[in-house]
């Protein structure tokens, strides 16, 4: 009886790992994921089957991370834009220059590299907290330290605007000819 419960739990956990793996994989790699899952049914040892399922998930996450971070030039530009914006914010009497710099930087990055544009929000919006912690210059944020994260909102707004402008531009260029 105990062995049946362990087998049931191991199979349920392997199925959960397999679902996670398929969710992480891009559509063109789903056949590979299904083949990996099919090979698991040949494995009779419960621990080896779980290891196989966990290995598939790990490989899928490695591929996802590689796809997200493979554009190093854009990531470097995002970090540079974010750091410059953060330094401007720390030396400005108002937050508007920071907000405008973040919005235009995010708009630029989202227009430049629109694939998975949500990722450009993070190097821009999180640069201020990083600069503040590294330099230990809290400036206007010394009273309410959580305020350093407000840059995520203008970065998200700029990213969405950049995507909308890119979509509008594509739509206008590919507008069907009238007969």
N, C-alpha and C. Protein backbone atom coordinates (compact mmCIF):
# COMPACT_ATOMS: atom_id res chain seq x y z
N UNK A 1 0.82 -1.20 0.00
CA UNK A 1 0.00 0.00 0.00
C UNK A 1 0.87 1.26 0.00
N UNK A 2 1.90 1.25 0.86
CA UNK A 2 2.76 2.42 0.95
C UNK A 2 3.49 2.65 -0.37
N UNK A 3 3.90 1.58 -1.02
CA UNK A 3 4.60 1.68 -2.30
C UNK A 3 3.68 2.28 -3.36
N UNK A 4 2.40 1.91 -3.32
CA UNK A 4 1.45 2.46 -4.28
C UNK A 4 1.29 3.97 -4.09
N UNK A 5 1.27 4.43 -2.87
CA UNK A 5 1.14 5.87 -2.60
C UNK A 5 2.39 6.60 -3.06
N UNK A 6 3.55 6.01 -2.82
CA UNK A 6 4.79 6.63 -3.27
C UNK A 6 4.84 6.69 -4.79
N UNK A 7 4.43 5.63 -5.45
CA UNK A 7 4.39 5.64 -6.92
C UNK A 7 3.40 6.68 -7.43
N UNK A 8 2.24 6.75 -6.79
CA UNK A 8 1.24 7.73 -7.19
C UNK A 8 1.76 9.15 -7.04
N UNK A 9 2.38 9.43 -5.89
CA UNK A 9 2.92 10.77 -5.65
C UNK A 9 4.07 11.10 -6.60
N UNK A 10 4.93 10.10 -6.86
CA UNK A 10 6.03 10.33 -7.79
C UNK A 10 5.50 10.61 -9.19
N UNK A 11 4.50 9.84 -9.62
CA UNK A 11 3.91 10.08 -10.95
C UNK A 11 3.23 11.44 -11.02
N UNK A 12 2.53 11.82 -9.95
CA UNK A 12 1.86 13.13 -9.94
C UNK A 12 2.88 14.26 -9.99
N UNK A 13 3.97 14.12 -9.26
CA UNK A 13 5.01 15.15 -9.26
C UNK A 13 5.70 15.22 -10.62
N UNK A 14 5.94 14.06 -11.23
CA UNK A 14 6.55 14.04 -12.57
C UNK A 14 5.62 14.70 -13.59
N UNK A 15 4.32 14.44 -13.49
CA UNK A 15 3.35 15.09 -14.40
C UNK A 15 3.36 16.60 -14.20
N UNK A 16 3.46 17.03 -12.95
CA UNK A 16 3.52 18.48 -12.66
C UNK A 16 4.79 19.09 -13.27
N UNK A 17 5.92 18.42 -13.10
CA UNK A 17 7.17 18.91 -13.70
C UNK A 17 7.06 18.96 -15.22
N UNK A 18 6.43 17.94 -15.80
CA UNK A 18 6.26 17.91 -17.25
C UNK A 18 5.37 19.05 -17.75
N UNK A 19 4.32 19.34 -17.02
CA UNK A 19 3.45 20.47 -17.42
C UNK A 19 4.20 21.79 -17.35
N UNK A 20 4.99 21.94 -16.30
CA UNK A 20 5.79 23.16 -16.18
C UNK A 20 6.79 23.27 -17.33
N UNK A 21 7.40 22.14 -17.68
CA UNK A 21 8.37 22.13 -18.78
C UNK A 21 7.69 22.55 -20.08
N UNK A 22 6.51 21.99 -20.36
CA UNK A 22 5.81 22.35 -21.60
C UNK A 22 5.36 23.80 -21.59
N UNK A 23 5.05 24.33 -20.42
CA UNK A 23 4.64 25.74 -20.33
C UNK A 23 5.80 26.68 -20.62
N UNK A 24 7.00 26.28 -20.25
CA UNK A 24 8.18 27.12 -20.43
C UNK A 24 8.72 27.04 -21.87
N UNK A 25 8.53 25.91 -22.50
CA UNK A 25 9.08 25.71 -23.85
C UNK A 25 8.36 26.60 -24.87
N UNK A 26 9.11 27.09 -25.86
CA UNK A 26 8.46 27.80 -26.96
C UNK A 26 7.67 26.80 -27.82
N UNK A 27 6.69 27.26 -28.55
CA UNK A 27 5.84 26.34 -29.33
C UNK A 27 6.61 25.45 -30.30
N UNK A 28 7.68 25.95 -30.90
CA UNK A 28 8.41 25.13 -31.86
C UNK A 28 9.22 24.02 -31.19
N UNK A 29 9.30 24.00 -29.87
CA UNK A 29 10.03 22.96 -29.15
C UNK A 29 9.11 21.99 -28.40
N UNK A 30 7.79 22.13 -28.58
CA UNK A 30 6.85 21.26 -27.87
C UNK A 30 7.01 19.80 -28.27
N UNK A 31 7.32 19.53 -29.53
CA UNK A 31 7.52 18.14 -29.95
C UNK A 31 8.66 17.49 -29.18
N UNK A 32 9.74 18.23 -28.96
CA UNK A 32 10.85 17.74 -28.17
C UNK A 32 10.38 17.43 -26.75
N UNK A 33 9.58 18.33 -26.17
CA UNK A 33 9.07 18.11 -24.82
C UNK A 33 8.19 16.88 -24.72
N UNK A 34 7.33 16.69 -25.71
CA UNK A 34 6.46 15.50 -25.71
C UNK A 34 7.29 14.23 -25.87
N UNK A 35 8.35 14.27 -26.67
CA UNK A 35 9.23 13.10 -26.81
C UNK A 35 9.93 12.79 -25.50
N UNK A 36 10.36 13.82 -24.79
CA UNK A 36 11.01 13.63 -23.49
C UNK A 36 10.04 12.99 -22.50
N UNK A 37 8.80 13.43 -22.54
CA UNK A 37 7.78 12.86 -21.65
C UNK A 37 7.51 11.41 -22.01
N UNK A 38 7.43 11.12 -23.31
CA UNK A 38 7.17 9.74 -23.75
C UNK A 38 8.29 8.81 -23.31
N UNK A 39 9.52 9.29 -23.29
CA UNK A 39 10.64 8.46 -22.86
C UNK A 39 10.57 8.14 -21.36
N UNK A 40 9.89 8.97 -20.60
CA UNK A 40 9.78 8.74 -19.15
C UNK A 40 8.99 7.47 -18.84
N UNK A 41 8.05 7.13 -19.69
CA UNK A 41 7.20 5.96 -19.41
C UNK A 41 7.98 4.65 -19.52
N UNK A 42 9.14 4.68 -20.15
CA UNK A 42 9.98 3.49 -20.25
C UNK A 42 10.75 3.27 -18.95
N UNK A 43 11.01 4.33 -18.22
CA UNK A 43 11.80 4.26 -16.99
C UNK A 43 10.93 3.68 -15.88
N UNK A 44 11.39 2.59 -15.28
CA UNK A 44 10.59 1.95 -14.22
C UNK A 44 10.97 2.44 -12.83
N UNK A 45 12.18 2.90 -12.65
CA UNK A 45 12.62 3.39 -11.35
C UNK A 45 12.01 4.77 -11.10
N UNK A 46 11.31 4.87 -9.99
CA UNK A 46 10.60 6.11 -9.65
C UNK A 46 11.56 7.30 -9.53
N UNK A 47 12.69 7.11 -8.87
CA UNK A 47 13.65 8.20 -8.68
C UNK A 47 14.25 8.64 -10.02
N UNK A 48 14.56 7.71 -10.87
CA UNK A 48 15.11 8.05 -12.19
C UNK A 48 14.08 8.79 -13.04
N UNK A 49 12.82 8.38 -12.93
CA UNK A 49 11.75 9.05 -13.68
C UNK A 49 11.59 10.50 -13.22
N UNK A 50 11.66 10.71 -11.92
CA UNK A 50 11.58 12.08 -11.39
C UNK A 50 12.80 12.89 -11.82
N UNK A 51 13.97 12.27 -11.79
CA UNK A 51 15.19 12.95 -12.24
C UNK A 51 15.08 13.33 -13.70
N UNK A 52 14.53 12.43 -14.52
CA UNK A 52 14.34 12.71 -15.96
C UNK A 52 13.40 13.90 -16.14
N UNK A 53 12.30 13.92 -15.40
CA UNK A 53 11.33 15.03 -15.51
C UNK A 53 11.96 16.34 -15.03
N UNK A 54 12.70 16.29 -13.93
CA UNK A 54 13.35 17.50 -13.42
C UNK A 54 14.42 17.98 -14.39
N UNK A 55 15.13 17.07 -15.02
CA UNK A 55 16.14 17.45 -16.01
C UNK A 55 15.52 18.15 -17.21
N UNK A 56 14.36 17.65 -17.66
CA UNK A 56 13.66 18.32 -18.77
C UNK A 56 13.25 19.73 -18.40
N UNK A 57 12.77 19.91 -17.17
CA UNK A 57 12.38 21.25 -16.72
C UNK A 57 13.59 22.17 -16.62
N UNK A 58 14.68 21.65 -16.10
CA UNK A 58 15.90 22.46 -15.97
C UNK A 58 16.41 22.88 -17.35
N UNK A 59 16.42 21.96 -18.31
CA UNK A 59 16.86 22.30 -19.66
C UNK A 59 15.94 23.35 -20.28
N UNK A 60 14.65 23.24 -20.01
CA UNK A 60 13.70 24.22 -20.55
C UNK A 60 13.92 25.59 -19.94
N UNK A 61 14.18 25.64 -18.63
CA UNK A 61 14.45 26.92 -17.99
C UNK A 61 15.77 27.52 -18.48
N UNK A 62 16.77 26.68 -18.71
CA UNK A 62 18.03 27.18 -19.27
C UNK A 62 17.80 27.82 -20.64
N UNK A 63 16.99 27.17 -21.46
CA UNK A 63 16.69 27.72 -22.78
C UNK A 63 15.92 29.03 -22.66
N UNK A 64 14.97 29.09 -21.71
CA UNK A 64 14.21 30.32 -21.49
C UNK A 64 15.12 31.46 -21.06
N UNK A 65 16.01 31.19 -20.13
CA UNK A 65 16.93 32.22 -19.65
C UNK A 65 17.84 32.68 -20.78
N UNK A 66 18.29 31.74 -21.59
CA UNK A 66 19.13 32.10 -22.73
C UNK A 66 18.37 33.00 -23.70
N UNK A 67 17.11 32.69 -23.96
CA UNK A 67 16.33 33.53 -24.89
C UNK A 67 16.07 34.91 -24.31
N UNK A 68 15.87 35.00 -23.01
CA UNK A 68 15.59 36.30 -22.39
C UNK A 68 16.85 37.17 -22.37
N UNK A 69 18.00 36.59 -22.05
CA UNK A 69 19.21 37.37 -21.87
C UNK A 69 20.18 37.32 -23.04
N UNK A 70 19.76 36.80 -24.19
CA UNK A 70 20.70 36.66 -25.31
C UNK A 70 21.01 37.99 -26.00
N UNK A 71 20.24 39.01 -25.78
CA UNK A 71 20.45 40.30 -26.43
C UNK A 71 21.24 41.22 -25.48
N UNK A 72 22.52 40.96 -25.38
CA UNK A 72 23.36 41.65 -24.39
C UNK A 72 23.48 43.14 -24.66
N UNK A 73 23.52 43.53 -25.92
CA UNK A 73 23.65 44.95 -26.25
C UNK A 73 22.44 45.74 -25.74
N UNK A 74 21.26 45.19 -25.92
CA UNK A 74 20.06 45.88 -25.45
C UNK A 74 20.01 45.91 -23.93
N UNK A 75 20.41 44.82 -23.28
CA UNK A 75 20.46 44.82 -21.82
C UNK A 75 21.45 45.87 -21.31
N UNK A 76 22.60 45.96 -21.96
CA UNK A 76 23.60 46.96 -21.56
C UNK A 76 23.06 48.37 -21.76
N UNK A 77 22.36 48.59 -22.88
CA UNK A 77 21.75 49.90 -23.13
C UNK A 77 20.69 50.20 -22.07
N UNK A 78 19.89 49.22 -21.73
CA UNK A 78 18.87 49.42 -20.70
C UNK A 78 19.47 49.77 -19.36
N UNK A 79 20.53 49.07 -18.98
CA UNK A 79 21.20 49.38 -17.71
C UNK A 79 21.84 50.76 -17.74
N UNK A 80 22.45 51.11 -18.88
CA UNK A 80 23.08 52.44 -19.00
C UNK A 80 22.02 53.54 -18.92
N UNK A 81 20.92 53.38 -19.67
CA UNK A 81 19.83 54.36 -19.61
C UNK A 81 19.28 54.46 -18.18
N UNK A 82 19.13 53.32 -17.51
CA UNK A 82 18.59 53.32 -16.16
C UNK A 82 19.51 54.00 -15.16
N UNK A 83 20.80 53.74 -15.28
CA UNK A 83 21.77 54.35 -14.35
C UNK A 83 21.84 55.86 -14.56
N UNK A 84 21.86 56.28 -15.83
CA UNK A 84 21.88 57.72 -16.11
C UNK A 84 20.61 58.37 -15.56
N UNK A 85 19.48 57.73 -15.77
CA UNK A 85 18.21 58.27 -15.25
C UNK A 85 18.23 58.35 -13.74
N UNK A 86 18.78 57.33 -13.09
CA UNK A 86 18.85 57.32 -11.63
C UNK A 86 19.74 58.43 -11.11
N UNK A 87 20.88 58.64 -11.76
CA UNK A 87 21.79 59.71 -11.33
C UNK A 87 21.14 61.08 -11.52
N UNK A 88 20.40 61.24 -12.62
CA UNK A 88 19.67 62.50 -12.84
C UNK A 88 18.64 62.70 -11.72
N UNK A 89 17.94 61.63 -11.36
CA UNK A 89 16.92 61.74 -10.32
C UNK A 89 17.52 62.11 -8.98
N UNK A 90 18.65 61.54 -8.64
CA UNK A 90 19.27 61.83 -7.34
C UNK A 90 19.80 63.26 -7.25
N UNK A 91 20.06 63.90 -8.39
CA UNK A 91 20.60 65.25 -8.39
C UNK A 91 19.59 66.29 -8.88
N UNK A 92 18.34 65.91 -8.97
CA UNK A 92 17.30 66.83 -9.45
C UNK A 92 16.35 67.17 -8.31
N UNK A 93 15.78 68.35 -8.39
CA UNK A 93 14.85 68.77 -7.34
C UNK A 93 13.43 68.27 -7.62
N UNK A 94 13.19 67.77 -8.81
CA UNK A 94 11.87 67.25 -9.16
C UNK A 94 12.03 65.87 -9.80
N UNK A 95 10.98 65.11 -9.81
CA UNK A 95 11.04 63.75 -10.36
C UNK A 95 10.73 63.70 -11.86
N UNK A 96 10.29 64.79 -12.44
CA UNK A 96 9.89 64.79 -13.85
C UNK A 96 11.01 64.43 -14.82
N UNK A 97 12.24 64.91 -14.63
CA UNK A 97 13.29 64.47 -15.57
C UNK A 97 13.50 62.95 -15.54
N UNK A 98 13.45 62.38 -14.35
CA UNK A 98 13.60 60.92 -14.21
C UNK A 98 12.47 60.19 -14.91
N UNK A 99 11.27 60.64 -14.69
CA UNK A 99 10.10 60.00 -15.31
C UNK A 99 10.19 60.09 -16.83
N UNK A 100 10.54 61.26 -17.35
CA UNK A 100 10.65 61.43 -18.80
C UNK A 100 11.79 60.60 -19.39
N UNK A 101 12.92 60.56 -18.69
CA UNK A 101 14.04 59.74 -19.16
C UNK A 101 13.68 58.26 -19.18
N UNK A 102 13.01 57.79 -18.14
CA UNK A 102 12.61 56.39 -18.11
C UNK A 102 11.61 56.06 -19.21
N UNK A 103 10.63 56.92 -19.38
CA UNK A 103 9.62 56.68 -20.43
C UNK A 103 10.25 56.64 -21.81
N UNK A 104 11.10 57.61 -22.11
CA UNK A 104 11.71 57.64 -23.44
C UNK A 104 12.72 56.50 -23.63
N UNK A 105 13.42 56.14 -22.58
CA UNK A 105 14.35 55.01 -22.68
C UNK A 105 13.60 53.71 -22.92
N UNK A 106 12.53 53.50 -22.17
CA UNK A 106 11.73 52.28 -22.35
C UNK A 106 11.07 52.26 -23.72
N UNK A 107 10.58 53.41 -24.15
CA UNK A 107 9.99 53.51 -25.49
C UNK A 107 11.02 53.14 -26.55
N UNK A 108 12.23 53.64 -26.40
CA UNK A 108 13.31 53.35 -27.35
C UNK A 108 13.65 51.86 -27.36
N UNK A 109 13.81 51.27 -26.18
CA UNK A 109 14.16 49.86 -26.11
C UNK A 109 13.05 48.97 -26.65
N UNK A 110 11.80 49.30 -26.33
CA UNK A 110 10.67 48.50 -26.81
C UNK A 110 10.50 48.62 -28.32
N UNK A 111 10.82 49.76 -28.87
CA UNK A 111 10.76 49.92 -30.32
C UNK A 111 11.93 49.22 -31.00
N UNK A 112 13.08 49.26 -30.36
CA UNK A 112 14.29 48.67 -30.90
C UNK A 112 14.22 47.14 -30.87
N UNK A 113 13.82 46.59 -29.72
CA UNK A 113 13.72 45.14 -29.54
C UNK A 113 12.35 44.81 -28.94
N UNK A 114 11.31 44.70 -29.77
CA UNK A 114 9.97 44.51 -29.24
C UNK A 114 9.68 43.11 -28.71
N UNK A 115 10.48 42.13 -29.11
CA UNK A 115 10.22 40.77 -28.64
C UNK A 115 10.47 40.70 -27.14
N UNK A 116 9.47 40.29 -26.41
CA UNK A 116 9.51 40.21 -24.95
C UNK A 116 9.91 41.55 -24.35
N UNK A 117 9.27 42.59 -24.78
CA UNK A 117 9.62 43.95 -24.36
C UNK A 117 9.42 44.17 -22.86
N UNK A 118 8.60 43.36 -22.21
CA UNK A 118 8.39 43.51 -20.77
C UNK A 118 9.70 43.43 -20.00
N UNK A 119 10.71 42.75 -20.55
CA UNK A 119 11.97 42.61 -19.83
C UNK A 119 12.72 43.92 -19.70
N UNK A 120 12.45 44.89 -20.58
CA UNK A 120 13.17 46.17 -20.52
C UNK A 120 12.69 47.03 -19.36
N UNK A 121 11.56 46.69 -18.80
CA UNK A 121 11.06 47.43 -17.62
C UNK A 121 12.04 47.27 -16.45
N UNK A 122 12.60 46.10 -16.30
CA UNK A 122 13.39 45.80 -15.11
C UNK A 122 14.76 46.48 -15.06
N UNK A 123 15.57 46.46 -16.13
CA UNK A 123 16.85 47.17 -15.99
C UNK A 123 16.65 48.67 -15.84
N UNK A 124 15.58 49.20 -16.42
CA UNK A 124 15.32 50.64 -16.28
C UNK A 124 14.76 50.98 -14.91
N UNK A 125 13.68 50.30 -14.54
CA UNK A 125 12.98 50.62 -13.29
C UNK A 125 13.73 50.24 -12.04
N UNK A 126 14.60 49.26 -12.12
CA UNK A 126 15.33 48.83 -10.93
C UNK A 126 16.72 49.45 -10.82
N UNK A 127 17.08 50.29 -11.76
CA UNK A 127 18.40 50.93 -11.69
C UNK A 127 18.49 51.92 -10.54
N UNK A 128 17.42 52.65 -10.27
CA UNK A 128 17.45 53.61 -9.16
C UNK A 128 17.67 52.90 -7.82
N UNK A 129 16.93 51.83 -7.50
CA UNK A 129 17.23 51.15 -6.23
C UNK A 129 18.65 50.60 -6.18
N UNK A 130 19.16 50.11 -7.30
CA UNK A 130 20.52 49.57 -7.32
C UNK A 130 21.54 50.69 -7.09
N UNK A 131 21.37 51.81 -7.79
CA UNK A 131 22.30 52.94 -7.63
C UNK A 131 22.25 53.46 -6.19
N UNK A 132 21.06 53.57 -5.64
CA UNK A 132 20.91 54.09 -4.27
C UNK A 132 21.58 53.16 -3.26
N UNK A 133 21.40 51.87 -3.43
CA UNK A 133 22.01 50.92 -2.49
C UNK A 133 23.52 50.88 -2.65
N UNK A 134 24.00 50.87 -3.90
CA UNK A 134 25.44 50.79 -4.13
C UNK A 134 26.16 52.05 -3.64
N UNK A 135 25.59 53.23 -3.93
CA UNK A 135 26.24 54.48 -3.53
C UNK A 135 25.90 54.88 -2.10
N UNK A 136 24.90 54.26 -1.53
CA UNK A 136 24.38 54.61 -0.21
C UNK A 136 23.98 56.08 -0.14
N UNK A 137 23.53 56.61 -1.26
CA UNK A 137 23.03 57.98 -1.35
C UNK A 137 21.52 57.91 -1.54
N UNK A 138 20.79 57.96 -0.43
CA UNK A 138 19.35 57.82 -0.49
C UNK A 138 18.67 59.12 -0.89
N UNK A 139 19.36 60.22 -0.80
CA UNK A 139 18.81 61.51 -1.23
C UNK A 139 17.39 61.72 -0.75
N UNK A 140 16.45 62.02 -1.68
CA UNK A 140 15.08 62.27 -1.26
C UNK A 140 14.35 61.01 -0.79
N UNK A 141 14.97 59.85 -0.90
CA UNK A 141 14.30 58.61 -0.52
C UNK A 141 14.67 58.13 0.87
N UNK A 142 15.37 58.97 1.62
CA UNK A 142 15.80 58.55 2.96
C UNK A 142 14.63 58.39 3.92
N UNK A 143 13.54 59.11 3.68
CA UNK A 143 12.38 59.01 4.58
C UNK A 143 11.55 57.79 4.22
N UNK A 144 11.18 57.65 2.95
CA UNK A 144 10.38 56.52 2.50
C UNK A 144 11.21 55.73 1.48
N UNK A 145 11.94 54.77 1.96
CA UNK A 145 12.90 54.05 1.11
C UNK A 145 12.24 53.19 0.04
N UNK A 146 11.02 52.79 0.23
CA UNK A 146 10.33 51.97 -0.78
C UNK A 146 10.00 52.80 -2.02
N UNK A 147 10.07 54.10 -1.89
CA UNK A 147 9.78 55.02 -3.00
C UNK A 147 10.75 54.86 -4.18
N UNK A 148 11.91 54.26 -3.96
CA UNK A 148 12.88 54.10 -5.04
C UNK A 148 12.37 53.19 -6.14
N UNK A 149 11.32 52.44 -5.88
CA UNK A 149 10.77 51.52 -6.88
C UNK A 149 9.72 52.16 -7.77
N UNK A 150 9.45 53.45 -7.60
CA UNK A 150 8.41 54.07 -8.42
C UNK A 150 8.79 54.14 -9.89
N UNK A 151 10.05 53.94 -10.22
CA UNK A 151 10.50 53.97 -11.61
C UNK A 151 9.94 52.83 -12.45
N UNK A 152 9.43 51.79 -11.81
CA UNK A 152 8.85 50.69 -12.56
C UNK A 152 7.61 51.14 -13.34
N UNK A 153 6.85 52.08 -12.78
CA UNK A 153 5.63 52.55 -13.46
C UNK A 153 5.95 53.34 -14.74
N UNK A 154 6.83 54.34 -14.72
CA UNK A 154 7.15 55.02 -15.97
C UNK A 154 7.85 54.12 -16.98
N UNK A 155 8.65 53.17 -16.50
CA UNK A 155 9.30 52.24 -17.42
C UNK A 155 8.26 51.36 -18.11
N UNK A 156 7.26 50.91 -17.35
CA UNK A 156 6.19 50.10 -17.94
C UNK A 156 5.37 50.93 -18.93
N UNK A 157 5.09 52.17 -18.57
CA UNK A 157 4.34 53.05 -19.47
C UNK A 157 5.10 53.30 -20.77
N UNK A 158 6.39 53.55 -20.67
CA UNK A 158 7.20 53.76 -21.86
C UNK A 158 7.28 52.51 -22.73
N UNK A 159 7.38 51.35 -22.09
CA UNK A 159 7.43 50.09 -22.83
C UNK A 159 6.12 49.86 -23.58
N UNK A 160 5.01 50.06 -22.90
CA UNK A 160 3.71 49.88 -23.55
C UNK A 160 3.52 50.87 -24.69
N UNK A 161 3.96 52.10 -24.49
CA UNK A 161 3.86 53.10 -25.55
C UNK A 161 4.74 52.72 -26.75
N UNK A 162 5.95 52.25 -26.47
CA UNK A 162 6.84 51.81 -27.54
C UNK A 162 6.25 50.66 -28.33
N UNK A 163 5.64 49.71 -27.64
CA UNK A 163 5.00 48.59 -28.34
C UNK A 163 3.81 49.05 -29.16
N UNK A 164 3.03 49.96 -28.60
CA UNK A 164 1.87 50.48 -29.34
C UNK A 164 2.31 51.23 -30.59
N UNK A 165 3.34 52.06 -30.46
CA UNK A 165 3.84 52.80 -31.62
C UNK A 165 4.44 51.85 -32.67
N UNK A 166 5.12 50.84 -32.22
CA UNK A 166 5.69 49.85 -33.15
C UNK A 166 4.57 49.11 -33.89
N UNK A 167 3.53 48.72 -33.16
CA UNK A 167 2.39 48.03 -33.79
C UNK A 167 1.67 48.95 -34.76
N UNK A 168 1.49 50.20 -34.37
CA UNK A 168 0.83 51.16 -35.26
C UNK A 168 1.66 51.39 -36.52
N UNK A 169 2.96 51.50 -36.35
CA UNK A 169 3.85 51.68 -37.50
C UNK A 169 3.78 50.47 -38.44
N UNK A 170 3.81 49.27 -37.88
CA UNK A 170 3.69 48.07 -38.72
C UNK A 170 2.34 48.01 -39.42
N UNK A 171 1.30 48.38 -38.72
CA UNK A 171 -0.04 48.36 -39.29
C UNK A 171 -0.15 49.36 -40.44
N UNK A 172 0.43 50.55 -40.26
CA UNK A 172 0.36 51.56 -41.32
C UNK A 172 1.20 51.17 -42.54
N UNK A 173 2.32 50.52 -42.32
CA UNK A 173 3.17 50.10 -43.44
C UNK A 173 2.56 48.94 -44.23
N UNK A 174 1.81 48.10 -43.57
CA UNK A 174 1.26 46.91 -44.20
C UNK A 174 -0.23 47.03 -44.48
N UNK A 175 -0.69 48.25 -44.53
CA UNK A 175 -2.11 48.47 -44.77
C UNK A 175 -2.46 47.96 -46.18
N UNK A 176 -3.52 47.16 -46.29
CA UNK A 176 -3.87 46.61 -47.61
C UNK A 176 -4.23 47.72 -48.60
N UNK A 177 -3.81 47.52 -49.82
CA UNK A 177 -4.11 48.50 -50.88
C UNK A 177 -5.59 48.44 -51.23
N UNK A 178 -6.17 49.60 -51.47
CA UNK A 178 -7.60 49.64 -51.84
C UNK A 178 -7.73 49.35 -53.34
N UNK A 179 -8.79 48.67 -53.70
CA UNK A 179 -8.99 48.28 -55.11
C UNK A 179 -9.73 49.32 -55.83
